[in-house]
Structures are given as structure tokens and as C-alpha cells.
Amino acid sequence: MKGRMTWEGTKDVIQLWRLYLSSLSTKPANLSMLESLNPLSSPLTYFTINTLADKLRLPINLTQKVKNSAVARKSLPDGQTLNYLWAESCTIYLMVTEIYLNQLYGEKPTGIVFDVGAHCGIYTLFARTRAKMLYAFEPNPETFRFLNQNTAGCQNVKSCNIALAEKSEILQFHDADLSMNCSTIKSQSGVKDSGYLVIARCLDDLLDFYELERVDFVKIDAEGSELEILKGGEKSLRSQKIKALAVASYHYAQEVTEVQKLLAKFGYRSHMENKSELIVFGKS
């Protein structure tokens, strides 16, 4: 396996999984079973997949090592091209599968769309083919570099290297050690002590800044900050300028209940189409 490669699909993901297993200092008792496992057809958690990506991103004691800076490229199901860190191949595969094939956040939206927590742009590219205008927000500067590259030729996409929060301010973000695809406002166990400053804007300010009378669809996946982001859109939500939402609510135990309660407070009907992934859908 070369440091720079084009990742295409299932075969490479299985190879990544086996490389991960061979890198473990303590071999699990069921190693032979794990080696024969297809990670894409098994109920692996996000934690496991992110740990796998992290292990492969570091210099590991294998005959062929993986470089942190290796860049991969793949064609998405609709023919668009996605660039990303090779070390995140497993995570990217799962995200593509969930968004394109399983339609985790629903069908492609139309009109004005916000992608909050856009990462490298998988949902952005998925949704922009029917959207009139799509605003993609990603606070991590390294991840934003890929988002900006992936949407460079998209006339109806505006990529913004900012965070969304309860109020507009400057925040300190931290990258999780477990995966480069995860940034969080709070420093906690498993997260680096050092961080970086990020401009944060609230939803209400963004609608005012872009002079938007309505936003047809908002997708939010922000590593546990979803409730604060929704609170930052109280004025827009109360007046129902935001017509529909899909909010990832799997980051902590009570998140689903809290998100649904807040949406109900603002007059939104909410439901869950995919309980295994805990995505709360709200509609005015």
C-alpha cells in the first residue's frame, strides 16, 4: 500500500481493517474472526471506525507505513469527485454510504440549504445538485481545506470556515485524538489540550448577514453542539423562517429528547426516520 493512493471501495476498507488489527500491540483472542470480518457489513460504532483511522494515520510498525498527509480521491455515486485524507478512508466510506445510499438526512433538499458541520463536503455535494444555494459551514481549518477544494467549481455553494454556536463570538476548538474528522468546543477526555480559535456565528445572525427571508433545509451534525446551535436560531425558528431540519442527535444520551423538546418549543413537528442513527427531523 503506497502513501498516496486512490481509494475506490470495499476491498481497500477491508485491507485497512486488517492493517489496523495487525497494528494492535495486544492481539484480541478472537483475532481470526475479526480478520475475516467485513467492517462495512457489521455494526461497528463510530468510535471503532475513528480509532481505526487514527491508528493508520500514525507511524505504525508495519512493513508499509501510512503518511498523515496522504490524500485520496474517489468518485461519488453521482459522478462528483471527493478529495479527503487517506487516513479517513473508512469514515469517508461510511459517510458516503449513509448519505448517498441510506439517505441518512433524507432526500436531496431544494431551495436554500445550510450544511452545518460539513466536514469535507459529502452532504454538501449530495445536496447541492438540487439546491438553489447551499451554505456549508466547517470550523476545522484542515478539513475546510478539503471542503473548499471539493466545492471549488460549484456555483451554488458557499463554503465558510466558521462554527455555529448559541451566540456569535470567538471560540476555542479542539481536535479529538480519535479522529481528525471530529472537532469539539469543549476539551474533554480523548481530546487534545491545545486548540485553535474559530469565529462562531449564530443561526439568526447568518440569516441576517446573507439577507435570507427563509432557509428551506438545515442539516446539523456538530459533535454534540446541536442544541446550542438551535438555541442560536431562536428568532428564525420562532418565526419559522427555517422550514425543515435534520439534526444528528447521537452524541450523548439525552440529546434526542432535548432536541425534540426544543423544536416543539419553537412550534416544529419532529420525528425520527432512522432510529438506529438517531437523526431528528423537524418541520414547520
Protein backbone atom coordinates (compact mmCIF):
# COMPACT_ATOMS: atom_id res chain seq x y z
CA MET A 1 0.00 0.00 0.00
CA LYS A 2 1.52 3.30 -1.06
CA GLY A 3 1.45 6.53 0.91
CA ARG A 4 -0.59 8.20 -1.84
CA MET A 5 -3.37 6.18 -3.41
CA THR A 6 -6.83 6.35 -4.89
CA TRP A 7 -9.34 4.67 -2.63
CA GLU A 8 -12.17 3.07 -4.51
CA GLY A 9 -14.24 0.82 -2.30
CA THR A 10 -14.87 -2.24 -0.19
CA LYS A 11 -11.61 -4.08 -0.90
CA ASP A 12 -9.49 -1.20 0.40
CA VAL A 13 -11.63 -0.76 3.50
CA ILE A 14 -11.20 -4.43 4.41
CA GLN A 15 -7.45 -4.02 3.87
CA LEU A 16 -7.49 -1.02 6.23
CA TRP A 17 -9.33 -3.08 8.83
CA ARG A 18 -6.75 -5.88 8.66
CA LEU A 19 -3.90 -3.40 8.86
CA TYR A 20 -5.48 -1.96 11.98
CA LEU A 21 -5.73 -5.38 13.59
CA SER A 22 -2.10 -6.17 12.78
CA SER A 23 -1.02 -2.88 14.39
CA LEU A 24 -2.52 -3.74 17.80
CA SER A 25 0.14 -4.38 20.44
CA THR A 26 -2.20 -6.76 22.30
CA LYS A 27 -3.87 -9.23 19.98
CA PRO A 28 -7.54 -9.99 20.79
CA ALA A 29 -8.49 -13.59 21.48
CA ASN A 30 -10.90 -13.64 18.54
CA LEU A 31 -8.34 -12.24 16.09
CA SER A 32 -9.04 -14.77 13.32
CA MET A 33 -12.75 -13.96 13.43
CA LEU A 34 -12.06 -10.21 13.34
CA GLU A 35 -9.67 -10.63 10.39
CA SER A 36 -12.43 -12.32 8.37
CA LEU A 37 -14.95 -9.64 9.28
CA ASN A 38 -16.23 -7.23 6.66
CA PRO A 39 -16.32 -3.96 8.64
CA LEU A 40 -18.86 -2.45 6.26
CA SER A 41 -21.50 -5.08 6.96
CA SER A 42 -21.00 -5.16 10.73
CA PRO A 43 -22.42 -2.89 13.44
CA LEU A 44 -19.13 -1.12 14.17
CA THR A 45 -19.51 2.07 16.16
CA TYR A 46 -18.20 5.45 15.05
CA PHE A 47 -15.66 5.15 17.85
CA THR A 48 -14.21 1.95 16.39
CA ILE A 49 -14.05 3.35 12.87
CA ASN A 50 -12.43 6.57 14.06
CA THR A 51 -9.92 4.63 16.14
CA LEU A 52 -9.06 2.64 13.03
CA ALA A 53 -8.45 5.82 11.05
CA ASP A 54 -6.37 7.28 13.85
CA LYS A 55 -4.20 4.18 14.15
CA LEU A 56 -3.47 4.17 10.45
CA ARG A 57 -2.74 7.87 10.46
CA LEU A 58 0.16 7.41 12.87
CA PRO A 59 3.55 5.84 12.01
CA ILE A 60 2.84 2.22 12.87
CA ASN A 61 5.29 -0.67 12.89
CA LEU A 62 4.28 -2.31 9.64
CA THR A 63 6.27 -3.15 6.53
CA GLN A 64 4.47 -0.29 4.82
CA LYS A 65 3.63 2.82 6.83
CA VAL A 66 0.86 5.31 6.22
CA LYS A 67 1.69 9.01 5.97
CA ASN A 68 -0.59 11.52 7.68
CA SER A 69 -0.54 13.83 4.65
CA ALA A 70 -1.58 11.23 2.07
CA VAL A 71 -4.52 12.47 0.02
CA ALA A 72 -7.10 10.19 -1.59
CA ARG A 73 -9.75 10.81 -4.21
CA LYS A 74 -12.89 8.92 -5.10
CA SER A 75 -15.88 9.26 -7.36
CA LEU A 76 -19.19 9.66 -5.56
CA PRO A 77 -22.30 7.75 -6.72
CA ASP A 78 -23.49 10.79 -8.70
CA GLY A 79 -20.14 11.19 -10.51
CA GLN A 80 -18.78 14.09 -8.46
CA THR A 81 -15.22 13.85 -7.14
CA LEU A 82 -14.31 13.89 -3.45
CA ASN A 83 -10.83 14.64 -2.07
CA TYR A 84 -10.01 13.75 1.55
CA LEU A 85 -7.27 12.50 3.87
CA TRP A 86 -6.39 8.90 3.07
CA ALA A 87 -6.28 8.18 6.81
CA GLU A 88 -10.04 8.83 6.97
CA SER A 89 -10.93 6.28 4.28
CA CYS A 90 -13.14 4.12 6.50
CA THR A 91 -15.03 7.08 7.92
CA ILE A 92 -15.48 8.55 4.44
CA TYR A 93 -16.81 5.24 3.09
CA LEU A 94 -19.39 5.06 5.87
CA MET A 95 -20.43 8.69 5.38
CA VAL A 96 -20.86 8.21 1.63
CA THR A 97 -22.90 5.07 2.22
CA GLU A 98 -25.11 6.72 4.84
CA ILE A 99 -25.72 9.96 2.93
CA TYR A 100 -25.98 8.71 -0.66
CA LEU A 101 -27.30 5.17 -0.33
CA ASN A 102 -29.15 5.18 3.01
CA GLN A 103 -30.22 8.85 2.68
CA LEU A 104 -29.47 9.39 6.36
CA TYR A 105 -30.60 13.03 6.21
CA GLY A 106 -33.47 12.39 3.83
CA GLU A 107 -33.86 13.07 0.12
CA LYS A 108 -32.00 15.85 -1.65
CA PRO A 109 -33.43 19.20 -0.50
CA THR A 110 -34.38 22.10 -2.73
CA GLY A 111 -34.21 25.86 -2.24
CA ILE A 112 -31.80 27.41 0.30
CA VAL A 113 -29.84 24.83 2.30
CA PHE A 114 -27.46 25.07 5.30
CA ASP A 115 -24.95 22.26 5.89
CA VAL A 116 -23.71 22.76 9.47
CA GLY A 117 -20.71 20.55 10.19
CA ALA A 118 -19.97 19.99 6.51
CA HIS A 119 -16.68 18.12 7.04
CA CYS A 120 -15.04 17.63 3.62
CA GLY A 121 -18.33 18.15 1.79
CA ILE A 122 -20.03 14.79 1.25
CA TYR A 123 -23.51 16.01 2.18
CA THR A 124 -22.78 19.36 0.53
CA LEU A 125 -22.07 17.65 -2.80
CA PHE A 126 -25.06 15.34 -2.35
CA ALA A 127 -27.49 18.18 -1.64
CA ARG A 128 -26.18 20.90 -3.95
CA THR A 129 -27.40 19.17 -7.13
CA ARG A 130 -30.99 20.19 -6.32
CA ALA A 131 -30.41 23.16 -4.03
CA LYS A 132 -30.79 26.69 -5.31
CA MET A 133 -28.00 27.82 -2.95
CA LEU A 134 -26.13 25.85 -0.31
CA TYR A 135 -24.09 27.32 2.55
CA ALA A 136 -21.55 24.86 4.00
CA PHE A 137 -20.03 25.57 7.43
CA GLU A 138 -16.93 23.76 8.74
CA PRO A 139 -14.76 25.11 11.60
CA ASN A 140 -11.74 22.79 11.33
CA PRO A 141 -9.21 24.60 9.08
CA GLU A 142 -7.60 21.39 7.78
CA THR A 143 -10.95 19.78 6.99
CA PHE A 144 -12.19 23.05 5.49
CA ARG A 145 -9.29 22.94 3.03
CA PHE A 146 -10.80 19.77 1.54
CA LEU A 147 -14.34 21.20 1.67
CA ASN A 148 -13.18 24.28 -0.22
CA GLN A 149 -11.33 22.16 -2.78
CA ASN A 150 -14.29 19.80 -3.29
CA THR A 151 -16.75 22.65 -3.87
CA ALA A 152 -14.45 24.96 -5.84
CA GLY A 153 -16.37 24.57 -9.10
CA CYS A 154 -19.85 24.65 -7.58
CA GLN A 155 -21.53 27.95 -8.40
CA ASN A 156 -24.38 27.36 -5.94
CA VAL A 157 -22.16 26.53 -2.92
CA LYS A 158 -20.61 28.97 -0.47
CA SER A 159 -18.10 27.32 1.88
CA CYS A 160 -17.46 29.09 5.19
CA ASN A 161 -14.65 28.33 7.64
CA ILE A 162 -16.69 29.19 10.73
CA ALA A 163 -18.51 27.42 13.54
CA LEU A 164 -22.13 27.83 14.54
CA ALA A 165 -22.94 28.40 18.20
CA GLU A 166 -25.56 29.82 20.55
CA LYS A 167 -24.15 33.32 20.06
CA SER A 168 -21.68 35.00 17.74
CA GLU A 169 -18.23 35.03 19.38
CA ILE A 170 -14.69 33.66 19.18
CA LEU A 171 -14.41 30.08 20.44
CA GLN A 172 -11.54 27.70 21.10
CA PHE A 173 -11.96 24.39 19.32
CA HIS A 174 -10.16 21.10 19.95
CA ASP A 175 -9.47 18.19 17.61
CA ALA A 176 -10.26 14.77 19.00
CA ASP A 177 -7.27 12.44 19.17
CA LEU A 178 -9.50 9.62 17.97
CA SER A 179 -10.13 11.12 14.56
CA MET A 180 -9.22 14.19 12.52
CA ASN A 181 -12.79 14.42 11.29
CA CYS A 182 -14.06 15.50 14.70
CA SER A 183 -13.75 18.92 16.32
CA THR A 184 -15.38 19.99 19.55
CA ILE A 185 -15.72 23.19 21.55
CA LYS A 186 -15.11 21.53 24.91
CA SER A 187 -11.79 19.95 25.91
CA GLN A 188 -12.51 16.55 27.40
CA SER A 189 -11.11 13.05 27.75
CA GLY A 190 -9.68 11.83 24.45
CA VAL A 191 -9.26 15.37 23.12
CA LYS A 192 -6.00 17.28 22.76
CA ASP A 193 -5.33 20.05 25.32
CA SER A 194 -4.21 22.52 22.67
CA GLY A 195 -6.78 24.03 20.34
CA TYR A 196 -7.36 26.80 17.82
CA LEU A 197 -9.53 29.88 17.72
CA VAL A 198 -12.59 29.85 15.48
CA ILE A 199 -15.10 32.52 14.53
CA ALA A 200 -18.56 31.40 15.61
CA ARG A 201 -21.83 32.84 14.34
CA CYS A 202 -25.35 32.05 15.46
CA LEU A 203 -28.07 30.97 13.03
CA ASP A 204 -30.04 34.17 13.46
CA ASP A 205 -27.02 36.33 12.57
CA LEU A 206 -26.29 34.22 9.49
CA LEU A 207 -29.81 34.63 8.11
CA ASP A 208 -29.48 38.38 8.65
CA PHE A 209 -25.97 38.53 7.18
CA TYR A 210 -26.96 36.69 4.00
CA GLU A 211 -30.29 38.58 3.87
CA LEU A 212 -32.30 35.37 3.77
CA GLU A 213 -36.04 35.52 4.29
CA ARG A 214 -36.16 31.74 4.61
CA VAL A 215 -33.96 28.66 4.70
CA ASP A 216 -35.64 25.58 3.27
CA PHE A 217 -33.48 22.93 4.94
CA VAL A 218 -30.81 22.84 7.66
CA LYS A 219 -28.68 19.76 8.30
CA ILE A 220 -26.73 19.84 11.59
CA ASP A 221 -24.04 17.41 12.74
CA ALA A 222 -21.74 19.28 15.10
CA GLU A 223 -20.28 16.77 17.56
CA GLY A 224 -22.68 17.44 20.42
CA SER A 225 -23.20 21.18 19.90
CA GLU A 226 -26.52 20.79 18.08
CA LEU A 227 -28.68 22.09 20.94
CA GLU A 228 -26.58 25.26 21.33
CA ILE A 229 -26.73 25.83 17.56
CA LEU A 230 -30.52 25.54 17.59
CA LYS A 231 -30.73 27.97 20.52
CA GLY A 232 -28.73 30.41 18.40
CA GLY A 233 -31.52 30.33 15.84
CA GLU A 234 -34.38 31.07 18.25
CA LYS A 235 -35.63 34.13 16.36
CA SER A 236 -35.55 32.35 13.00
CA LEU A 237 -37.11 29.19 14.43
CA ARG A 238 -39.88 31.03 16.28
CA SER A 239 -40.82 32.87 13.10
CA GLN A 240 -40.34 29.58 11.19
CA LYS A 241 -38.03 31.10 8.62
CA ILE A 242 -36.31 27.70 8.74
CA LYS A 243 -38.73 25.29 7.09
CA ALA A 244 -37.18 21.89 7.83
CA LEU A 245 -34.23 20.41 9.71
CA ALA A 246 -32.31 17.17 10.16
CA VAL A 247 -30.35 17.15 13.41
CA ALA A 248 -27.82 14.44 14.31
CA SER A 249 -28.65 13.57 17.92
CA TYR A 250 -26.43 10.60 18.81
CA HIS A 251 -23.61 12.37 20.67
CA TYR A 252 -24.90 11.91 24.24
CA ALA A 253 -27.71 10.01 25.96
CA GLN A 254 -30.36 12.73 26.28
CA GLU A 255 -29.70 14.58 23.03
CA VAL A 256 -32.71 13.22 21.14
CA THR A 257 -35.10 14.24 23.92
CA GLU A 258 -33.53 17.69 24.29
CA VAL A 259 -33.55 18.42 20.56
CA GLN A 260 -37.16 17.29 20.13
CA LYS A 261 -38.26 19.33 23.16
CA LEU A 262 -36.57 22.47 21.85
CA LEU A 263 -38.03 22.06 18.35
CA ALA A 264 -41.50 21.58 19.86
CA LYS A 265 -41.00 24.79 21.87
CA PHE A 266 -40.48 26.63 18.59
CA GLY A 267 -43.55 25.05 17.02
CA TYR A 268 -41.92 22.31 14.94
CA ARG A 269 -43.22 18.80 14.47
CA SER A 270 -40.38 16.29 14.87
CA HIS A 271 -39.92 12.61 14.16
CA MET A 272 -37.15 10.07 13.68
CA GLU A 273 -37.00 8.20 10.39
CA ASN A 274 -33.85 6.29 11.29
CA LYS A 275 -33.76 5.42 14.99
CA SER A 276 -30.52 3.46 14.71
CA GLU A 277 -28.71 6.65 13.69
CA LEU A 278 -30.77 8.99 15.89
CA ILE A 279 -31.45 11.70 13.36
CA VAL A 280 -34.25 14.06 14.46
CA PHE A 281 -36.24 15.59 11.59
CA GLY A 282 -38.17 18.77 12.24
CA LYS A 283 -40.71 20.53 10.03
CA SER A 284 -42.57 23.82 10.47
